[in-house]
Amino acid sequence: FGLAELAQMLRTRWTSGPRVECGFAPDNARDLSEIASLAEAGQLRPVIGARYSLDDIVAAHRQVESGPKLGSTVIQVAMPE
């Protein structure tokens, strides 16, 4: 998170279309459950730029460290059931 993201949040606040939001949540089960509920309801949509398996963790780190990226990099630790 940096100045570019702050500027993007401010710009999208006063324009039509998708908005960029940022928030911080304490590390507790109730708040994490609320965030999950918002995501499931489609009210919170994370931007995922790349997904890697745990076996590809080195490639994931290289991609993140290579410079600016669009979206978050996700490391998939286990296969979803």
PDB file of N, CA and C in Angstrom:
ATOM      1  N   PHE A   1       0.841  -1.168   0.000  1.00  0.00           N
ATOM      2  CA  PHE A   1       0.000   0.000   0.000  1.00  0.00           C
ATOM      3  C   PHE A   1       0.882   1.224   0.000  1.00  0.00           C
ATOM      4  N   GLY A   2       0.618   2.145  -0.906  1.00  0.00           N
ATOM      5  CA  GLY A   2       1.446   3.331  -0.984  1.00  0.00           C
ATOM      6  C   GLY A   2       0.680   4.521  -1.533  1.00  0.00           C
ATOM      7  N   LEU A   3       1.417   5.528  -1.948  1.00  0.00           N
ATOM      8  CA  LEU A   3       0.830   6.770  -2.444  1.00  0.00           C
ATOM      9  C   LEU A   3      -0.019   6.551  -3.694  1.00  0.00           C
ATOM     10  N   ALA A   4       0.429   5.675  -4.600  1.00  0.00           N
ATOM     11  CA  ALA A   4      -0.341   5.413  -5.821  1.00  0.00           C
ATOM     12  C   ALA A   4      -1.706   4.828  -5.491  1.00  0.00           C
ATOM     13  N   GLU A   5      -1.762   3.912  -4.540  1.00  0.00           N
ATOM     14  CA  GLU A   5      -3.038   3.305  -4.156  1.00  0.00           C
ATOM     15  C   GLU A   5      -3.936   4.322  -3.458  1.00  0.00           C
ATOM     16  N   LEU A   6      -3.366   5.181  -2.647  1.00  0.00           N
ATOM     17  CA  LEU A   6      -4.139   6.229  -1.985  1.00  0.00           C
ATOM     18  C   LEU A   6      -4.750   7.171  -3.023  1.00  0.00           C
ATOM     19  N   ALA A   7      -3.966   7.558  -4.017  1.00  0.00           N
ATOM     20  CA  ALA A   7      -4.479   8.433  -5.080  1.00  0.00           C
ATOM     21  C   ALA A   7      -5.600   7.740  -5.860  1.00  0.00           C
ATOM     22  N   GLN A   8      -5.441   6.450  -6.109  1.00  0.00           N
ATOM     23  CA  GLN A   8      -6.472   5.696  -6.827  1.00  0.00           C
ATOM     24  C   GLN A   8      -7.758   5.639  -6.009  1.00  0.00           C
ATOM     25  N   MET A   9      -7.655   5.436  -4.714  1.00  0.00           N
ATOM     26  CA  MET A   9      -8.846   5.412  -3.857  1.00  0.00           C
ATOM     27  C   MET A   9      -9.556   6.761  -3.885  1.00  0.00           C
ATOM     28  N   LEU A  10      -8.799   7.835  -3.779  1.00  0.00           N
ATOM     29  CA  LEU A  10      -9.396   9.170  -3.790  1.00  0.00           C
ATOM     30  C   LEU A  10     -10.045   9.476  -5.133  1.00  0.00           C
ATOM     31  N   ARG A  11      -9.373   9.121  -6.226  1.00  0.00           N
ATOM     32  CA  ARG A  11      -9.914   9.387  -7.561  1.00  0.00           C
ATOM     33  C   ARG A  11     -11.222   8.635  -7.786  1.00  0.00           C
ATOM     34  N   THR A  12     -11.270   7.368  -7.412  1.00  0.00           N
ATOM     35  CA  THR A  12     -12.475   6.583  -7.664  1.00  0.00           C
ATOM     36  C   THR A  12     -13.612   6.956  -6.716  1.00  0.00           C
ATOM     37  N   ARG A  13     -13.302   7.630  -5.657  1.00  0.00           N
ATOM     38  CA  ARG A  13     -14.348   8.065  -4.715  1.00  0.00           C
ATOM     39  C   ARG A  13     -15.266   9.093  -5.362  1.00  0.00           C
ATOM     40  N   TRP A  14     -14.720   9.916  -6.268  1.00  0.00           N
ATOM     41  CA  TRP A  14     -15.495  11.000  -6.860  1.00  0.00           C
ATOM     42  C   TRP A  14     -15.823  10.784  -8.339  1.00  0.00           C
ATOM     43  N   THR A  15     -15.657   9.575  -8.813  1.00  0.00           N
ATOM     44  CA  THR A  15     -16.005   9.270 -10.195  1.00  0.00           C
ATOM     45  C   THR A  15     -17.005   8.118 -10.210  1.00  0.00           C
ATOM     46  N   SER A  16     -17.686   7.962 -11.340  1.00  0.00           N
ATOM     47  CA  SER A  16     -18.620   6.844 -11.440  1.00  0.00           C
ATOM     48  C   SER A  16     -17.847   5.578 -11.803  1.00  0.00           C
ATOM     49  N   GLY A  17     -18.463   4.437 -11.584  1.00  0.00           N
ATOM     50  CA  GLY A  17     -17.823   3.164 -11.898  1.00  0.00           C
ATOM     51  C   GLY A  17     -17.283   2.499 -10.653  1.00  0.00           C
ATOM     52  N   PRO A  18     -16.482   1.455 -10.853  1.00  0.00           N
ATOM     53  CA  PRO A  18     -15.937   0.709  -9.703  1.00  0.00           C
ATOM     54  C   PRO A  18     -15.100   1.609  -8.805  1.00  0.00           C
ATOM     55  N   ARG A  19     -15.137   1.330  -7.526  1.00  0.00           N
ATOM     56  CA  ARG A  19     -14.369   2.098  -6.552  1.00  0.00           C
ATOM     57  C   ARG A  19     -13.270   1.239  -5.953  1.00  0.00           C
ATOM     58  N   VAL A  20     -12.187   1.872  -5.624  1.00  0.00           N
ATOM     59  CA  VAL A  20     -11.090   1.213  -4.933  1.00  0.00           C
ATOM     60  C   VAL A  20     -11.214   1.569  -3.460  1.00  0.00           C
ATOM     61  N   GLU A  21     -11.285   0.558  -2.621  1.00  0.00           N
ATOM     62  CA  GLU A  21     -11.422   0.761  -1.183  1.00  0.00           C
ATOM     63  C   GLU A  21     -10.282   0.055  -0.468  1.00  0.00           C
ATOM     64  N   CYS A  22      -9.974   0.523   0.700  1.00  0.00           N
ATOM     65  CA  CYS A  22      -8.950  -0.104   1.512  1.00  0.00           C
ATOM     66  C   CYS A  22      -9.427  -0.092   2.955  1.00  0.00           C
ATOM     67  N   GLY A  23      -9.154  -1.145   3.656  1.00  0.00           N
ATOM     68  CA  GLY A  23      -9.552  -1.196   5.051  1.00  0.00           C
ATOM     69  C   GLY A  23      -8.641  -2.124   5.826  1.00  0.00           C
ATOM     70  N   PHE A  24      -8.689  -1.980   7.106  1.00  0.00           N
ATOM     71  CA  PHE A  24      -7.889  -2.822   7.983  1.00  0.00           C
ATOM     72  C   PHE A  24      -8.817  -3.438   9.007  1.00  0.00           C
ATOM     73  N   ALA A  25      -8.623  -4.687   9.299  1.00  0.00           N
ATOM     74  CA  ALA A  25      -9.468  -5.383  10.271  1.00  0.00           C
ATOM     75  C   ALA A  25      -8.599  -6.026  11.329  1.00  0.00           C
ATOM     76  N   PRO A  26      -9.047  -5.950  12.582  1.00  0.00           N
ATOM     77  CA  PRO A  26      -8.314  -6.652  13.633  1.00  0.00           C
ATOM     78  C   PRO A  26      -8.317  -8.154  13.356  1.00  0.00           C
ATOM     79  N   ASP A  27      -7.390  -8.833  13.931  1.00  0.00           N
ATOM     80  CA  ASP A  27      -7.260 -10.267  13.718  1.00  0.00           C
ATOM     81  C   ASP A  27      -8.156 -11.019  14.708  1.00  0.00           C
ATOM     82  N   ASN A  28      -9.484 -11.004  14.428  1.00  0.00           N
ATOM     83  CA  ASN A  28     -10.370 -11.783  15.282  1.00  0.00           C
ATOM     84  C   ASN A  28     -11.429 -12.463  14.415  1.00  0.00           C
ATOM     85  N   ALA A  29     -11.977 -13.536  14.921  1.00  0.00           N
ATOM     86  CA  ALA A  29     -12.878 -14.388  14.139  1.00  0.00           C
ATOM     87  C   ALA A  29     -14.138 -13.659  13.704  1.00  0.00           C
ATOM     88  N   ARG A  30     -14.709 -12.826  14.549  1.00  0.00           N
ATOM     89  CA  ARG A  30     -15.952 -12.127  14.205  1.00  0.00           C
ATOM     90  C   ARG A  30     -15.739 -11.192  13.009  1.00  0.00           C
ATOM     91  N   ASP A  31     -14.688 -10.410  13.029  1.00  0.00           N
ATOM     92  CA  ASP A  31     -14.429  -9.487  11.922  1.00  0.00           C
ATOM     93  C   ASP A  31     -14.094 -10.246  10.638  1.00  0.00           C
ATOM     94  N   LEU A  32     -13.317 -11.313  10.742  1.00  0.00           N
ATOM     95  CA  LEU A  32     -12.989 -12.095   9.551  1.00  0.00           C
ATOM     96  C   LEU A  32     -14.236 -12.749   8.971  1.00  0.00           C
ATOM     97  N   SER A  33     -15.161 -13.160   9.826  1.00  0.00           N
ATOM     98  CA  SER A  33     -16.425 -13.729   9.367  1.00  0.00           C
ATOM     99  C   SER A  33     -17.255 -12.681   8.629  1.00  0.00           C
ATOM    100  N   GLU A  34     -17.267 -11.462   9.126  1.00  0.00           N
ATOM    101  CA  GLU A  34     -17.989 -10.365   8.466  1.00  0.00           C
ATOM    102  C   GLU A  34     -17.392 -10.065   7.093  1.00  0.00           C
ATOM    103  N   ILE A  35     -16.082 -10.070   6.986  1.00  0.00           N
ATOM    104  CA  ILE A  35     -15.425  -9.844   5.692  1.00  0.00           C
ATOM    105  C   ILE A  35     -15.794 -10.960   4.726  1.00  0.00           C
ATOM    106  N   ALA A  36     -15.805 -12.203   5.191  1.00  0.00           N
ATOM    107  CA  ALA A  36     -16.187 -13.339   4.346  1.00  0.00           C
ATOM    108  C   ALA A  36     -17.628 -13.194   3.876  1.00  0.00           C
ATOM    109  N   SER A  37     -18.523 -12.753   4.750  1.00  0.00           N
ATOM    110  CA  SER A  37     -19.929 -12.560   4.381  1.00  0.00           C
ATOM    111  C   SER A  37     -20.074 -11.491   3.301  1.00  0.00           C
ATOM    112  N   LEU A  38     -19.328 -10.402   3.431  1.00  0.00           N
ATOM    113  CA  LEU A  38     -19.369  -9.335   2.415  1.00  0.00           C
ATOM    114  C   LEU A  38     -18.881  -9.855   1.066  1.00  0.00           C
ATOM    115  N   ALA A  39     -17.818 -10.639   1.077  1.00  0.00           N
ATOM    116  CA  ALA A  39     -17.284 -11.200  -0.168  1.00  0.00           C
ATOM    117  C   ALA A  39     -18.282 -12.164  -0.794  1.00  0.00           C
ATOM    118  N   GLU A  40     -18.900 -13.022   0.019  1.00  0.00           N
ATOM    119  CA  GLU A  40     -19.882 -13.980  -0.493  1.00  0.00           C
ATOM    120  C   GLU A  40     -21.098 -13.278  -1.083  1.00  0.00           C
ATOM    121  N   ALA A  41     -21.475 -12.131  -0.521  1.00  0.00           N
ATOM    122  CA  ALA A  41     -22.629 -11.372  -1.009  1.00  0.00           C
ATOM    123  C   ALA A  41     -22.284 -10.533  -2.232  1.00  0.00           C
ATOM    124  N   GLY A  42     -21.014 -10.541  -2.649  1.00  0.00           N
ATOM    125  CA  GLY A  42     -20.603  -9.759  -3.814  1.00  0.00           C
ATOM    126  C   GLY A  42     -20.392  -8.285  -3.517  1.00  0.00           C
ATOM    127  N   GLN A  43     -20.398  -7.911  -2.251  1.00  0.00           N
ATOM    128  CA  GLN A  43     -20.196  -6.512  -1.865  1.00  0.00           C
ATOM    129  C   GLN A  43     -18.722  -6.163  -1.719  1.00  0.00           C
ATOM    130  N   LEU A  44     -17.901  -7.168  -1.671  1.00  0.00           N
ATOM    131  CA  LEU A  44     -16.455  -6.991  -1.548  1.00  0.00           C
ATOM    132  C   LEU A  44     -15.814  -7.957  -2.525  1.00  0.00           C
ATOM    133  N   ARG A  45     -15.113  -7.421  -3.499  1.00  0.00           N
ATOM    134  CA  ARG A  45     -14.508  -8.271  -4.517  1.00  0.00           C
ATOM    135  C   ARG A  45     -12.998  -8.030  -4.552  1.00  0.00           C
ATOM    136  N   PRO A  46     -12.230  -8.987  -4.068  1.00  0.00           N
ATOM    137  CA  PRO A  46     -10.777  -8.820  -4.115  1.00  0.00           C
ATOM    138  C   PRO A  46     -10.271  -8.868  -5.557  1.00  0.00           C
ATOM    139  N   VAL A  47      -9.230  -8.133  -5.812  1.00  0.00           N
ATOM    140  CA  VAL A  47      -8.589  -8.146  -7.131  1.00  0.00           C
ATOM    141  C   VAL A  47      -7.395  -9.086  -7.035  1.00  0.00           C
ATOM    142  N   ILE A  48      -7.473 -10.197  -7.755  1.00  0.00           N
ATOM    143  CA  ILE A  48      -6.402 -11.188  -7.726  1.00  0.00           C
ATOM    144  C   ILE A  48      -5.642 -11.111  -9.039  1.00  0.00           C
ATOM    145  N   GLY A  49      -4.380 -10.775  -8.949  1.00  0.00           N
ATOM    146  CA  GLY A  49      -3.555 -10.642 -10.138  1.00  0.00           C
ATOM    147  C   GLY A  49      -2.922 -11.944 -10.572  1.00  0.00           C
ATOM    148  N   ALA A  50      -2.602 -12.810  -9.618  1.00  0.00           N
ATOM    149  CA  ALA A  50      -1.958 -14.092  -9.940  1.00  0.00           C
ATOM    150  C   ALA A  50      -2.202 -15.079  -8.813  1.00  0.00           C
ATOM    151  N   ARG A  51      -2.269 -16.351  -9.191  1.00  0.00           N
ATOM    152  CA  ARG A  51      -2.410 -17.443  -8.217  1.00  0.00           C
ATOM    153  C   ARG A  51      -1.254 -18.418  -8.416  1.00  0.00           C
ATOM    154  N   TYR A  52      -0.701 -18.874  -7.307  1.00  0.00           N
ATOM    155  CA  TYR A  52       0.386 -19.842  -7.344  1.00  0.00           C
ATOM    156  C   TYR A  52       0.094 -20.953  -6.346  1.00  0.00           C
ATOM    157  N   SER A  53       0.567 -22.151  -6.648  1.00  0.00           N
ATOM    158  CA  SER A  53       0.498 -23.232  -5.670  1.00  0.00           C
ATOM    159  C   SER A  53       1.657 -23.039  -4.696  1.00  0.00           C
ATOM    160  N   LEU A  54       1.564 -23.701  -3.563  1.00  0.00           N
ATOM    161  CA  LEU A  54       2.636 -23.604  -2.579  1.00  0.00           C
ATOM    162  C   LEU A  54       3.960 -24.099  -3.157  1.00  0.00           C
ATOM    163  N   ASP A  55       3.894 -25.059  -4.080  1.00  0.00           N
ATOM    164  CA  ASP A  55       5.111 -25.566  -4.722  1.00  0.00           C
ATOM    165  C   ASP A  55       5.804 -24.503  -5.569  1.00  0.00           C
ATOM    166  N   ASP A  56       5.054 -23.472  -6.006  1.00  0.00           N
ATOM    167  CA  ASP A  56       5.602 -22.405  -6.848  1.00  0.00           C
ATOM    168  C   ASP A  56       5.871 -21.125  -6.059  1.00  0.00           C
ATOM    169  N   ILE A  57       6.110 -21.256  -4.760  1.00  0.00           N
ATOM    170  CA  ILE A  57       6.290 -20.091  -3.901  1.00  0.00           C
ATOM    171  C   ILE A  57       7.463 -19.213  -4.347  1.00  0.00           C
ATOM    172  N   VAL A  58       8.514 -19.807  -4.866  1.00  0.00           N
ATOM    173  CA  VAL A  58       9.676 -19.027  -5.317  1.00  0.00           C
ATOM    174  C   VAL A  58       9.276 -18.140  -6.500  1.00  0.00           C
ATOM    175  N   ALA A  59       8.538 -18.692  -7.457  1.00  0.00           N
ATOM    176  CA  ALA A  59       8.074 -17.906  -8.606  1.00  0.00           C
ATOM    177  C   ALA A  59       7.132 -16.794  -8.150  1.00  0.00           C
ATOM    178  N   ALA A  60       6.300 -17.081  -7.157  1.00  0.00           N
ATOM    179  CA  ALA A  60       5.384 -16.065  -6.638  1.00  0.00           C
ATOM    180  C   ALA A  60       6.160 -14.900  -6.039  1.00  0.00           C
ATOM    181  N   HIS A  61       7.178 -15.199  -5.248  1.00  0.00           N
ATOM    182  CA  HIS A  61       7.998 -14.135  -4.662  1.00  0.00           C
ATOM    183  C   HIS A  61       8.699 -13.325  -5.744  1.00  0.00           C
ATOM    184  N   ARG A  62       9.215 -13.989  -6.754  1.00  0.00           N
ATOM    185  CA  ARG A  62       9.880 -13.264  -7.848  1.00  0.00           C
ATOM    186  C   ARG A  62       8.908 -12.314  -8.541  1.00  0.00           C
ATOM    187  N   GLN A  63       7.678 -12.781  -8.766  1.00  0.00           N
ATOM    188  CA  GLN A  63       6.684 -11.948  -9.437  1.00  0.00           C
ATOM    189  C   GLN A  63       6.346 -10.727  -8.591  1.00  0.00           C
ATOM    190  N   VAL A  64       6.152 -10.915  -7.297  1.00  0.00           N
ATOM    191  CA  VAL A  64       5.813  -9.802  -6.409  1.00  0.00           C
ATOM    192  C   VAL A  64       6.961  -8.802  -6.331  1.00  0.00           C
ATOM    193  N   GLU A  65       8.183  -9.302  -6.269  1.00  0.00           N
ATOM    194  CA  GLU A  65       9.349  -8.429  -6.121  1.00  0.00           C
ATOM    195  C   GLU A  65       9.775  -7.781  -7.436  1.00  0.00           C
ATOM    196  N   SER A  66       9.174  -8.180  -8.547  1.00  0.00           N
ATOM    197  CA  SER A  66       9.596  -7.659  -9.850  1.00  0.00           C
ATOM    198  C   SER A  66       9.126  -6.234 -10.121  1.00  0.00           C
ATOM    199  N   GLY A  67       8.234  -5.711  -9.298  1.00  0.00           N
ATOM    200  CA  GLY A  67       7.784  -4.345  -9.501  1.00  0.00           C
ATOM    201  C   GLY A  67       6.284  -4.223  -9.364  1.00  0.00           C
ATOM    202  N   PRO A  68       5.732  -3.138  -9.898  1.00  0.00           N
ATOM    203  CA  PRO A  68       4.289  -2.910  -9.757  1.00  0.00           C
ATOM    204  C   PRO A  68       3.472  -4.076 -10.312  1.00  0.00           C
ATOM    205  N   LYS A  69       2.350  -4.337  -9.652  1.00  0.00           N
ATOM    206  CA  LYS A  69       1.487  -5.425 -10.079  1.00  0.00           C
ATOM    207  C   LYS A  69       0.046  -4.979  -9.968  1.00  0.00           C
ATOM    208  N   LEU A  70      -0.809  -5.645 -10.695  1.00  0.00           N
ATOM    209  CA  LEU A  70      -2.235  -5.366 -10.625  1.00  0.00           C
ATOM    210  C   LEU A  70      -2.890  -6.482  -9.818  1.00  0.00           C
ATOM    211  N   GLY A  71      -3.399  -6.166  -8.668  1.00  0.00           N
ATOM    212  CA  GLY A  71      -4.059  -7.163  -7.835  1.00  0.00           C
ATOM    213  C   GLY A  71      -3.100  -7.866  -6.894  1.00  0.00           C
ATOM    214  N   SER A  72      -3.693  -8.678  -6.055  1.00  0.00           N
ATOM    215  CA  SER A  72      -2.927  -9.427  -5.065  1.00  0.00           C
ATOM    216  C   SER A  72      -2.407 -10.731  -5.649  1.00  0.00           C
ATOM    217  N   THR A  73      -1.335 -11.213  -5.082  1.00  0.00           N
ATOM    218  CA  THR A  73      -0.802 -12.516  -5.438  1.00  0.00           C
ATOM    219  C   THR A  73      -1.260 -13.508  -4.383  1.00  0.00           C
ATOM    220  N   VAL A  74      -1.902 -14.581  -4.818  1.00  0.00           N
ATOM    221  CA  VAL A  74      -2.480 -15.560  -3.904  1.00  0.00           C
ATOM    222  C   VAL A  74      -1.644 -16.840  -3.952  1.00  0.00           C
ATOM    223  N   ILE A  75      -1.315 -17.347  -2.766  1.00  0.00           N
ATOM    224  CA  ILE A  75      -0.641 -18.636  -2.649  1.00  0.00           C
ATOM    225  C   ILE A  75      -1.682 -19.641  -2.181  1.00  0.00           C
ATOM    226  N   GLN A  76      -1.958 -20.617  -3.007  1.00  0.00           N
ATOM    227  CA  GLN A  76      -2.947 -21.645  -2.675  1.00  0.00           C
ATOM    228  C   GLN A  76      -2.238 -22.740  -1.889  1.00  0.00           C
ATOM    229  N   VAL A  77      -2.563 -22.837  -0.609  1.00  0.00           N
ATOM    230  CA  VAL A  77      -1.890 -23.780   0.277  1.00  0.00           C
ATOM    231  C   VAL A  77      -2.490 -25.171   0.155  1.00  0.00           C
ATOM    232  N   ALA A  78      -3.805 -25.260  -0.006  1.00  0.00           N
ATOM    233  CA  ALA A  78      -4.481 -26.560  -0.139  1.00  0.00           C
ATOM    234  C   ALA A  78      -5.552 -26.442  -1.208  1.00  0.00           C
ATOM    235  N   MET A  79      -5.871 -27.552  -1.815  1.00  0.00           N
ATOM    236  CA  MET A  79      -6.921 -27.571  -2.836  1.00  0.00           C
ATOM    237  C   MET A  79      -8.270 -27.374  -2.163  1.00  0.00           C
ATOM    238  N   PRO A  80      -9.149 -26.524  -2.727  1.00  0.00           N
ATOM    239  CA  PRO A  80     -10.479 -26.365  -2.134  1.00  0.00           C
ATOM    240  C   PRO A  80     -11.276 -27.668  -2.250  1.00  0.00           C
ATOM    241  N   GLU A  81     -12.112 -27.901  -1.248  1.00  0.00           N
ATOM    242  CA  GLU A  81     -12.922 -29.126  -1.238  1.00  0.00           C
ATOM    243  C   GLU A  81     -14.237 -28.911  -1.942  1.00  0.00           C
TER     244      GLU A  81
END
